[in-house]
PDB file of all heavy atoms in Angstrom:
ATOM      1  N   THR A   1     285.693  -4.976 -18.216  1.00  0.00           N
ATOM      2  CA  THR A   1     285.620  -4.306 -16.923  1.00  0.00           C
ATOM      3  C   THR A   1     286.307  -2.955 -17.028  1.00  0.00           C
ATOM      4  O   THR A   1     286.606  -2.472 -18.102  1.00  0.00           O
ATOM      5  CB  THR A   1     286.280  -5.177 -15.839  1.00  0.00           C
ATOM      6  OG1 THR A   1     287.600  -5.528 -16.290  1.00  0.00           O
ATOM      7  CG2 THR A   1     285.496  -6.434 -15.618  1.00  0.00           C
ATOM      8  N   GLY A   2     286.567  -2.321 -15.883  1.00  0.00           N
ATOM      9  CA  GLY A   2     287.161  -0.988 -15.913  1.00  0.00           C
ATOM     10  C   GLY A   2     286.056   0.030 -15.811  1.00  0.00           C
ATOM     11  O   GLY A   2     285.303   0.049 -14.842  1.00  0.00           O
ATOM     12  N   SER A   3     285.917   0.901 -16.818  1.00  0.00           N
ATOM     13  CA  SER A   3     284.873   1.911 -16.748  1.00  0.00           C
ATOM     14  C   SER A   3     283.490   1.273 -16.770  1.00  0.00           C
ATOM     15  O   SER A   3     282.516   1.895 -16.389  1.00  0.00           O
ATOM     16  CB  SER A   3     285.002   2.897 -17.908  1.00  0.00           C
ATOM     17  OG  SER A   3     284.821   2.239 -19.135  1.00  0.00           O
ATOM     18  N   ASP A   4     283.398   0.037 -17.216  1.00  0.00           N
ATOM     19  CA  ASP A   4     282.119  -0.662 -17.226  1.00  0.00           C
ATOM     20  C   ASP A   4     281.970  -1.597 -16.028  1.00  0.00           C
ATOM     21  O   ASP A   4     280.997  -2.330 -15.938  1.00  0.00           O
ATOM     22  CB  ASP A   4     281.968  -1.459 -18.525  1.00  0.00           C
ATOM     23  CG  ASP A   4     282.027  -0.551 -19.734  1.00  0.00           C
ATOM     24  OD1 ASP A   4     281.184   0.348 -19.830  1.00  0.00           O
ATOM     25  OD2 ASP A   4     282.933  -0.721 -20.552  1.00  0.00           O
ATOM     26  N   SER A   5     282.962  -1.596 -15.139  1.00  0.00           N
ATOM     27  CA  SER A   5     282.845  -2.413 -13.942  1.00  0.00           C
ATOM     28  C   SER A   5     281.731  -1.884 -13.053  1.00  0.00           C
ATOM     29  O   SER A   5     281.491  -0.683 -12.982  1.00  0.00           O
ATOM     30  CB  SER A   5     284.148  -2.399 -13.135  1.00  0.00           C
ATOM     31  OG  SER A   5     285.155  -3.118 -13.773  1.00  0.00           O
ATOM     32  N   ILE A   6     281.063  -2.785 -12.376  1.00  0.00           N
ATOM     33  CA  ILE A   6     280.074  -2.423 -11.380  1.00  0.00           C
ATOM     34  C   ILE A   6     280.676  -2.751 -10.018  1.00  0.00           C
ATOM     35  O   ILE A   6     281.036  -3.893  -9.748  1.00  0.00           O
ATOM     36  CB  ILE A   6     278.764  -3.208 -11.576  1.00  0.00           C
ATOM     37  CG1 ILE A   6     278.223  -2.979 -12.987  1.00  0.00           C
ATOM     38  CG2 ILE A   6     277.734  -2.803 -10.530  1.00  0.00           C
ATOM     39  CD1 ILE A   6     277.102  -3.917 -13.360  1.00  0.00           C
ATOM     40  N   TYR A   7     280.841  -1.731  -9.193  1.00  0.00           N
ATOM     41  CA  TYR A   7     281.350  -1.937  -7.844  1.00  0.00           C
ATOM     42  C   TYR A   7     280.176  -1.937  -6.866  1.00  0.00           C
ATOM     43  O   TYR A   7     279.187  -1.213  -7.049  1.00  0.00           O
ATOM     44  CB  TYR A   7     282.329  -0.821  -7.460  1.00  0.00           C
ATOM     45  CG  TYR A   7     283.597  -0.829  -8.274  1.00  0.00           C
ATOM     46  CD1 TYR A   7     283.716  -0.036  -9.412  1.00  0.00           C
ATOM     47  CD2 TYR A   7     284.678  -1.624  -7.915  1.00  0.00           C
ATOM     48  CE1 TYR A   7     284.884  -0.031 -10.161  1.00  0.00           C
ATOM     49  CE2 TYR A   7     285.844  -1.625  -8.657  1.00  0.00           C
ATOM     50  CZ  TYR A   7     285.936  -0.824  -9.775  1.00  0.00           C
ATOM     51  OH  TYR A   7     287.090  -0.820 -10.524  1.00  0.00           O
ATOM     52  N   ARG A   8     280.306  -2.751  -5.829  1.00  0.00           N
ATOM     53  CA  ARG A   8     279.277  -2.786  -4.786  1.00  0.00           C
ATOM     54  C   ARG A   8     279.950  -2.692  -3.429  1.00  0.00           C
ATOM     55  O   ARG A   8     280.889  -3.425  -3.135  1.00  0.00           O
ATOM     56  CB  ARG A   8     278.458  -4.076  -4.869  1.00  0.00           C
ATOM     57  CG  ARG A   8     277.383  -4.155  -3.771  1.00  0.00           C
ATOM     58  CD  ARG A   8     276.478  -5.359  -3.946  1.00  0.00           C
ATOM     59  NE  ARG A   8     277.149  -6.613  -3.652  1.00  0.00           N
ATOM     60  CZ  ARG A   8     276.640  -7.813  -3.942  1.00  0.00           C
ATOM     61  NH1 ARG A   8     275.479  -7.905  -4.551  1.00  0.00           N
ATOM     62  NH2 ARG A   8     277.302  -8.908  -3.651  1.00  0.00           N
ATOM     63  N   THR A   9     279.477  -1.777  -2.606  1.00  0.00           N
ATOM     64  CA  THR A   9     279.926  -1.714  -1.217  1.00  0.00           C
ATOM     65  C   THR A   9     278.765  -2.118  -0.326  1.00  0.00           C
ATOM     66  O   THR A   9     277.647  -1.619  -0.468  1.00  0.00           O
ATOM     67  CB  THR A   9     280.405  -0.306  -0.836  1.00  0.00           C
ATOM     68  OG1 THR A   9     279.417   0.660  -1.203  1.00  0.00           O
ATOM     69  CG2 THR A   9     281.694   0.021  -1.550  1.00  0.00           C
ATOM     70  N   THR A  10     279.027  -3.042   0.569  1.00  0.00           N
ATOM     71  CA  THR A  10     278.034  -3.505   1.528  1.00  0.00           C
ATOM     72  C   THR A  10     278.465  -3.023   2.907  1.00  0.00           C
ATOM     73  O   THR A  10     279.519  -3.426   3.402  1.00  0.00           O
ATOM     74  CB  THR A  10     277.920  -5.037   1.513  1.00  0.00           C
ATOM     75  OG1 THR A  10     277.612  -5.479   0.187  1.00  0.00           O
ATOM     76  CG2 THR A  10     276.828  -5.515   2.465  1.00  0.00           C
ATOM     77  N   PHE A  11     277.683  -2.126   3.513  1.00  0.00           N
ATOM     78  CA  PHE A  11     277.989  -1.537   4.802  1.00  0.00           C
ATOM     79  C   PHE A  11     277.046  -2.108   5.862  1.00  0.00           C
ATOM     80  O   PHE A  11     275.837  -2.153   5.658  1.00  0.00           O
ATOM     81  CB  PHE A  11     277.794  -0.021   4.768  1.00  0.00           C
ATOM     82  CG  PHE A  11     278.910   0.747   4.119  1.00  0.00           C
ATOM     83  CD1 PHE A  11     279.122   0.683   2.767  1.00  0.00           C
ATOM     84  CD2 PHE A  11     279.745   1.547   4.884  1.00  0.00           C
ATOM     85  CE1 PHE A  11     280.131   1.402   2.155  1.00  0.00           C
ATOM     86  CE2 PHE A  11     280.759   2.266   4.303  1.00  0.00           C
ATOM     87  CZ  PHE A  11     280.961   2.201   2.929  1.00  0.00           C
ATOM     88  N   THR A  12     277.605  -2.493   6.985  1.00  0.00           N
ATOM     89  CA  THR A  12     276.803  -2.868   8.147  1.00  0.00           C
ATOM     90  C   THR A  12     276.990  -1.800   9.209  1.00  0.00           C
ATOM     91  O   THR A  12     278.122  -1.472   9.574  1.00  0.00           O
ATOM     92  CB  THR A  12     277.223  -4.239   8.697  1.00  0.00           C
ATOM     93  OG1 THR A  12     277.090  -5.213   7.666  1.00  0.00           O
ATOM     94  CG2 THR A  12     276.352  -4.637   9.878  1.00  0.00           C
ATOM     95  N   ALA A  13     275.878  -1.219   9.693  1.00  0.00           N
ATOM     96  CA  ALA A  13     275.928  -0.078  10.604  1.00  0.00           C
ATOM     97  C   ALA A  13     275.196  -0.400  11.899  1.00  0.00           C
ATOM     98  O   ALA A  13     274.249  -1.192  11.920  1.00  0.00           O
ATOM     99  CB  ALA A  13     275.309   1.149   9.953  1.00  0.00           C
ATOM    100  N   SER A  14     275.641   0.243  12.982  1.00  0.00           N
ATOM    101  CA  SER A  14     274.980   0.105  14.285  1.00  0.00           C
ATOM    102  C   SER A  14     274.966   1.467  14.970  1.00  0.00           C
ATOM    103  O   SER A  14     275.621   2.417  14.525  1.00  0.00           O
ATOM    104  CB  SER A  14     275.706  -0.926  15.158  1.00  0.00           C
ATOM    105  OG  SER A  14     277.038  -0.508  15.425  1.00  0.00           O
ATOM    106  N   THR A  15     274.218   1.564  16.060  1.00  0.00           N
ATOM    107  CA  THR A  15     274.100   2.827  16.779  1.00  0.00           C
ATOM    108  C   THR A  15     273.872   2.558  18.260  1.00  0.00           C
ATOM    109  O   THR A  15     273.544   1.419  18.650  1.00  0.00           O
ATOM    110  CB  THR A  15     272.942   3.666  16.212  1.00  0.00           C
ATOM    111  OG1 THR A  15     272.876   4.926  16.874  1.00  0.00           O
ATOM    112  CG2 THR A  15     271.614   2.953  16.386  1.00  0.00           C
ATOM    113  N   ASP A  16     274.023   3.599  19.069  1.00  0.00           N
ATOM    114  CA  ASP A  16     273.724   3.482  20.499  1.00  0.00           C
ATOM    115  C   ASP A  16     272.330   3.989  20.831  1.00  0.00           C
ATOM    116  O   ASP A  16     271.941   4.049  21.997  1.00  0.00           O
ATOM    117  CB  ASP A  16     274.768   4.240  21.323  1.00  0.00           C
ATOM    118  CG  ASP A  16     274.785   5.737  21.030  1.00  0.00           C
ATOM    119  OD1 ASP A  16     274.038   6.194  20.135  1.00  0.00           O
ATOM    120  OD2 ASP A  16     275.558   6.457  21.685  1.00  0.00           O
ATOM    121  N   GLN A  17     271.536   4.335  19.817  1.00  0.00           N
ATOM    122  CA  GLN A  17     270.208   4.896  20.034  1.00  0.00           C
ATOM    123  C   GLN A  17     269.149   3.797  20.073  1.00  0.00           C
ATOM    124  O   GLN A  17     269.126   2.913  19.215  1.00  0.00           O
ATOM    125  CB  GLN A  17     269.869   5.896  18.927  1.00  0.00           C
ATOM    126  CG  GLN A  17     270.784   7.102  18.868  1.00  0.00           C
ATOM    127  CD  GLN A  17     270.687   7.937  20.122  1.00  0.00           C
ATOM    128  OE1 GLN A  17     269.637   8.473  20.465  1.00  0.00           O
ATOM    129  NE2 GLN A  17     271.811   8.048  20.827  1.00  0.00           N
ATOM    130  N   THR A  18     268.268   3.885  21.061  1.00  0.00           N
ATOM    131  CA  THR A  18     267.168   2.912  21.157  1.00  0.00           C
ATOM    132  C   THR A  18     265.963   3.337  20.330  1.00  0.00           C
ATOM    133  O   THR A  18     265.138   2.507  19.953  1.00  0.00           O
ATOM    134  CB  THR A  18     266.735   2.742  22.617  1.00  0.00           C
ATOM    135  OG1 THR A  18     266.362   4.022  23.151  1.00  0.00           O
ATOM    136  CG2 THR A  18     267.874   2.160  23.451  1.00  0.00           C
ATOM    137  N   ASN A  19     265.869   4.642  20.044  1.00  0.00           N
ATOM    138  CA  ASN A  19     264.749   5.177  19.284  1.00  0.00           C
ATOM    139  C   ASN A  19     265.245   5.505  17.874  1.00  0.00           C
ATOM    140  O   ASN A  19     266.091   6.385  17.685  1.00  0.00           O
ATOM    141  CB  ASN A  19     264.196   6.432  19.956  1.00  0.00           C
ATOM    142  CG  ASN A  19     263.017   7.025  19.192  1.00  0.00           C
ATOM    143  OD1 ASN A  19     262.471   6.402  18.277  1.00  0.00           O
ATOM    144  ND2 ASN A  19     262.630   8.237  19.575  1.00  0.00           N
ATOM    145  N   ALA A  20     264.695   4.835  16.860  1.00  0.00           N
ATOM    146  CA  ALA A  20     265.152   5.032  15.486  1.00  0.00           C
ATOM    147  C   ALA A  20     264.972   6.474  15.033  1.00  0.00           C
ATOM    148  O   ALA A  20     265.775   6.990  14.239  1.00  0.00           O
ATOM    149  CB  ALA A  20     264.404   4.099  14.544  1.00  0.00           C
ATOM    150  N   ALA A  21     263.948   7.155  15.528  1.00  0.00           N
ATOM    151  CA  ALA A  21     263.685   8.527  15.084  1.00  0.00           C
ATOM    152  C   ALA A  21     264.780   9.491  15.517  1.00  0.00           C
ATOM    153  O   ALA A  21     264.899  10.580  14.962  1.00  0.00           O
ATOM    154  CB  ALA A  21     262.336   8.995  15.618  1.00  0.00           C
ATOM    155  N   GLY A  22     265.592   9.094  16.503  1.00  0.00           N
ATOM    156  CA  GLY A  22     266.658   9.972  16.972  1.00  0.00           C
ATOM    157  C   GLY A  22     267.987   9.755  16.289  1.00  0.00           C
ATOM    158  O   GLY A  22     268.958  10.461  16.568  1.00  0.00           O
ATOM    159  N   VAL A  23     268.073   8.790  15.384  1.00  0.00           N
ATOM    160  CA  VAL A  23     269.339   8.481  14.724  1.00  0.00           C
ATOM    161  C   VAL A  23     269.629   9.513  13.639  1.00  0.00           C
ATOM    162  O   VAL A  23     268.780   9.774  12.778  1.00  0.00           O
ATOM    163  CB  VAL A  23     269.301   7.064  14.104  1.00  0.00           C
ATOM    164  CG1 VAL A  23     270.607   6.764  13.374  1.00  0.00           C
ATOM    165  CG2 VAL A  23     269.035   6.032  15.184  1.00  0.00           C
ATOM    166  N   PRO A  24     270.802  10.137  13.652  1.00  0.00           N
ATOM    167  CA  PRO A  24     271.141  11.113  12.603  1.00  0.00           C
ATOM    168  C   PRO A  24     271.210  10.458  11.224  1.00  0.00           C
ATOM    169  O   PRO A  24     271.196   9.237  11.083  1.00  0.00           O
ATOM    170  CB  PRO A  24     272.521  11.627  13.039  1.00  0.00           C
ATOM    171  CG  PRO A  24     272.649  11.248  14.478  1.00  0.00           C
ATOM    172  CD  PRO A  24     271.853  10.003  14.659  1.00  0.00           C
ATOM    173  N   VAL A  25     271.306  11.288  10.204  1.00  0.00           N
ATOM    174  CA  VAL A  25     271.426  10.807   8.830  1.00  0.00           C
ATOM    175  C   VAL A  25     272.790  10.150   8.635  1.00  0.00           C
ATOM    176  O   VAL A  25     273.814  10.668   9.088  1.00  0.00           O
ATOM    177  CB  VAL A  25     271.263  11.968   7.836  1.00  0.00           C
ATOM    178  CG1 VAL A  25     271.559  11.516   6.405  1.00  0.00           C
ATOM    179  CG2 VAL A  25     269.868  12.558   7.938  1.00  0.00           C
ATOM    180  N   LEU A  26     272.806   9.000   7.974  1.00  0.00           N
ATOM    181  CA  LEU A  26     274.071   8.372   7.600  1.00  0.00           C
ATOM    182  C   LEU A  26     274.087   8.168   6.090  1.00  0.00           C
ATOM    183  O   LEU A  26     273.052   7.991   5.461  1.00  0.00           O
ATOM    184  CB  LEU A  26     274.283   7.050   8.340  1.00  0.00           C
ATOM    185  CG  LEU A  26     273.283   5.906   8.115  1.00  0.00           C
ATOM    186  CD1 LEU A  26     273.779   4.991   6.990  1.00  0.00           C
ATOM    187  CD2 LEU A  26     273.109   5.096   9.395  1.00  0.00           C
ATOM    188  N   ARG A  27     275.285   8.233   5.531  1.00  0.00           N
ATOM    189  CA  ARG A  27     275.440   8.086   4.087  1.00  0.00           C
ATOM    190  C   ARG A  27     276.590   7.129   3.774  1.00  0.00           C
ATOM    191  O   ARG A  27     277.600   7.107   4.472  1.00  0.00           O
ATOM    192  CB  ARG A  27     275.731   9.428   3.405  1.00  0.00           C
ATOM    193  CG  ARG A  27     274.654  10.450   3.510  1.00  0.00           C
ATOM    194  CD  ARG A  27     274.845  11.590   2.527  1.00  0.00           C
ATOM    195  NE  ARG A  27     276.184  12.163   2.563  1.00  0.00           N
ATOM    196  CZ  ARG A  27     276.539  13.273   1.925  1.00  0.00           C
ATOM    197  NH1 ARG A  27     275.641  13.928   1.206  1.00  0.00           N
ATOM    198  NH2 ARG A  27     277.771  13.730   1.987  1.00  0.00           N
ATOM    199  N   VAL A  28     276.413   6.388   2.711  1.00  0.00           N
ATOM    200  CA  VAL A  28     277.462   5.582   2.113  1.00  0.00           C
ATOM    201  C   VAL A  28     277.809   6.261   0.798  1.00  0.00           C
ATOM    202  O   VAL A  28     276.920   6.529  -0.009  1.00  0.00           O
ATOM    203  CB  VAL A  28     276.987   4.138   1.868  1.00  0.00           C
ATOM    204  CG1 VAL A  28     278.075   3.325   1.186  1.00  0.00           C
ATOM    205  CG2 VAL A  28     276.567   3.491   3.183  1.00  0.00           C
ATOM    206  N   ARG A  29     279.090   6.534   0.578  1.00  0.00           N
ATOM    207  CA  ARG A  29     279.458   7.348  -0.567  1.00  0.00           C
ATOM    208  C   ARG A  29     280.707   6.772  -1.220  1.00  0.00           C
ATOM    209  O   ARG A  29     281.621   6.306  -0.544  1.00  0.00           O
ATOM    210  CB  ARG A  29     279.697   8.782  -0.073  1.00  0.00           C
ATOM    211  CG  ARG A  29     280.089   9.796  -1.090  1.00  0.00           C
ATOM    212  CD  ARG A  29     279.860  11.224  -0.527  1.00  0.00           C
ATOM    213  NE  ARG A  29     280.416  11.435   0.780  1.00  0.00           N
ATOM    214  CZ  ARG A  29     281.606  12.020   1.023  1.00  0.00           C
ATOM    215  NH1 ARG A  29     282.364  12.415   0.026  1.00  0.00           N
ATOM    216  NH2 ARG A  29     282.033  12.183   2.255  1.00  0.00           N
ATOM    217  N   SER A  30     280.749   6.837  -2.530  1.00  0.00           N
ATOM    218  CA  SER A  30     281.965   6.528  -3.281  1.00  0.00           C
ATOM    219  C   SER A  30     282.261   7.721  -4.156  1.00  0.00           C
ATOM    220  O   SER A  30     281.352   8.313  -4.744  1.00  0.00           O
ATOM    221  CB  SER A  30     281.779   5.275  -4.140  1.00  0.00           C
ATOM    222  OG  SER A  30     280.707   5.449  -5.037  1.00  0.00           O
ATOM    223  N   SER A  31     283.513   8.108  -4.231  1.00  0.00           N
ATOM    224  CA  SER A  31     283.848   9.298  -4.988  1.00  0.00           C
ATOM    225  C   SER A  31     285.252   9.186  -5.524  1.00  0.00           C
ATOM    226  O   SER A  31     286.119   8.542  -4.923  1.00  0.00           O
ATOM    227  CB  SER A  31     283.735  10.542  -4.103  1.00  0.00           C
ATOM    228  OG  SER A  31     284.114  11.699  -4.820  1.00  0.00           O
ATOM    229  N   THR A  32     285.484   9.830  -6.666  1.00  0.00           N
ATOM    230  CA  THR A  32     286.834   9.953  -7.180  1.00  0.00           C
ATOM    231  C   THR A  32     287.605  10.914  -6.294  1.00  0.00           C
ATOM    232  O   THR A  32     287.034  11.683  -5.525  1.00  0.00           O
ATOM    233  CB  THR A  32     286.819  10.503  -8.610  1.00  0.00           C
ATOM    234  OG1 THR A  32     286.283  11.830  -8.582  1.00  0.00           O
ATOM    235  CG2 THR A  32     285.962   9.638  -9.507  1.00  0.00           C
ATOM    236  N   SER A  33     288.913  10.882  -6.402  1.00  0.00           N
ATOM    237  CA  SER A  33     289.729  11.768  -5.587  1.00  0.00           C
ATOM    238  C   SER A  33     289.486  13.233  -5.943  1.00  0.00           C
ATOM    239  O   SER A  33     289.730  14.125  -5.143  1.00  0.00           O
ATOM    240  CB  SER A  33     291.210  11.423  -5.769  1.00  0.00           C
ATOM    241  OG  SER A  33     291.579  11.504  -7.133  1.00  0.00           O
ATOM    242  N   SER A  34     289.008  13.492  -7.150  1.00  0.00           N
ATOM    243  CA  SER A  34     288.745  14.860  -7.568  1.00  0.00           C
ATOM    244  C   SER A  34     287.303  15.281  -7.305  1.00  0.00           C
ATOM    245  O   SER A  34     286.957  16.439  -7.507  1.00  0.00           O
ATOM    246  CB  SER A  34     289.033  15.007  -9.062  1.00  0.00           C
ATOM    247  OG  SER A  34     288.124  14.231  -9.816  1.00  0.00           O
ATOM    248  N   PHE A  35     286.456  14.350  -6.890  1.00  0.00           N
ATOM    249  CA  PHE A  35     285.041  14.605  -6.626  1.00  0.00           C
ATOM    250  C   PHE A  35     284.300  15.085  -7.872  1.00  0.00           C
ATOM    251  O   PHE A  35     283.276  15.756  -7.790  1.00  0.00           O
ATOM    252  CB  PHE A  35     284.850  15.628  -5.498  1.00  0.00           C
ATOM    253  CG  PHE A  35     285.100  15.053  -4.142  1.00  0.00           C
ATOM    254  CD1 PHE A  35     286.386  14.922  -3.673  1.00  0.00           C
ATOM    255  CD2 PHE A  35     284.063  14.608  -3.354  1.00  0.00           C
ATOM    256  CE1 PHE A  35     286.638  14.375  -2.424  1.00  0.00           C
ATOM    257  CE2 PHE A  35     284.303  14.057  -2.104  1.00  0.00           C
ATOM    258  CZ  PHE A  35     285.600  13.936  -1.638  1.00  0.00           C
ATOM    259  N   GLU A  36     284.822  14.758  -9.073  1.00  0.00           N
ATOM    260  CA  GLU A  36     284.102  15.120 -10.285  1.00  0.00           C
ATOM    261  C   GLU A  36     282.781  14.357 -10.371  1.00  0.00           C
ATOM    262  O   GLU A  36     281.803  14.862 -10.903  1.00  0.00           O
ATOM    263  CB  GLU A  36     284.949  14.806 -11.518  1.00  0.00           C
ATOM    264  CG  GLU A  36     286.193  15.666 -11.624  1.00  0.00           C
ATOM    265  CD  GLU A  36     287.049  15.251 -12.798  1.00  0.00           C
ATOM    266  OE1 GLU A  36     286.496  14.756 -13.783  1.00  0.00           O
ATOM    267  OE2 GLU A  36     288.262  15.416 -12.719  1.00  0.00           O
ATOM    268  N   GLN A  37     282.781  13.126  -9.905  1.00  0.00           N
ATOM    269  CA  GLN A  37     281.542  12.363  -9.883  1.00  0.00           C
ATOM    270  C   GLN A  37     281.516  11.538  -8.624  1.00  0.00           C
ATOM    271  O   GLN A  37     282.515  10.933  -8.235  1.00  0.00           O
ATOM    272  CB  GLN A  37     281.417  11.452 -11.098  1.00  0.00           C
ATOM    273  CG  GLN A  37     280.128  10.642 -11.098  1.00  0.00           C
ATOM    274  CD  GLN A  37     279.919   9.889 -12.393  1.00  0.00           C
ATOM    275  OE1 GLN A  37     280.214  10.386 -13.468  1.00  0.00           O
ATOM    276  NE2 GLN A  37     279.411   8.677 -12.293  1.00  0.00           N
ATOM    277  N   SER A  38     280.387  11.519  -7.952  1.00  0.00           N
ATOM    278  CA  SER A  38     280.243  10.702  -6.755  1.00  0.00           C
ATOM    279  C   SER A  38     278.868  10.051  -6.776  1.00  0.00           C
ATOM    280  O   SER A  38     277.917  10.574  -7.355  1.00  0.00           O
ATOM    281  CB  SER A  38     280.398  11.545  -5.484  1.00  0.00           C
ATOM    282  OG  SER A  38     279.426  12.570  -5.426  1.00  0.00           O
ATOM    283  N   ASP A  39     278.794   8.877  -6.149  1.00  0.00           N
ATOM    284  CA  ASP A  39     277.546   8.143  -6.019  1.00  0.00           C
ATOM    285  C   ASP A  39     277.250   8.027  -4.532  1.00  0.00           C
ATOM    286  O   ASP A  39     278.125   7.642  -3.747  1.00  0.00           O
ATOM    287  CB  ASP A  39     277.662   6.755  -6.639  1.00  0.00           C
ATOM    288  CG  ASP A  39     277.909   6.818  -8.135  1.00  0.00           C
ATOM    289  OD1 ASP A  39     279.014   7.209  -8.547  1.00  0.00           O
ATOM    290  OD2 ASP A  39     277.001   6.469  -8.887  1.00  0.00           O
ATOM    291  N   VAL A  40     276.028   8.325  -4.134  1.00  0.00           N
ATOM    292  CA  VAL A  40     275.697   8.449  -2.721  1.00  0.00           C
ATOM    293  C   VAL A  40     274.434   7.664  -2.400  1.00  0.00           C
ATOM    294  O   VAL A  40     273.476   7.676  -3.175  1.00  0.00           O
ATOM    295  CB  VAL A  40     275.497   9.933  -2.333  1.00  0.00           C
ATOM    296  CG1 VAL A  40     275.238  10.067  -0.835  1.00  0.00           C
ATOM    297  CG2 VAL A  40     276.699  10.777  -2.745  1.00  0.00           C
TER     298      VAL A  40
END
């Protein structure tokens, strides 16, 4: 494990919008503190 570890984040999201077309873009992101590499 370590640099070969696979991390998984599972996000559950909700909104106050009844029309899906009006929902803004949302992102799930993981990043190092230096932002040298990020997965989005």
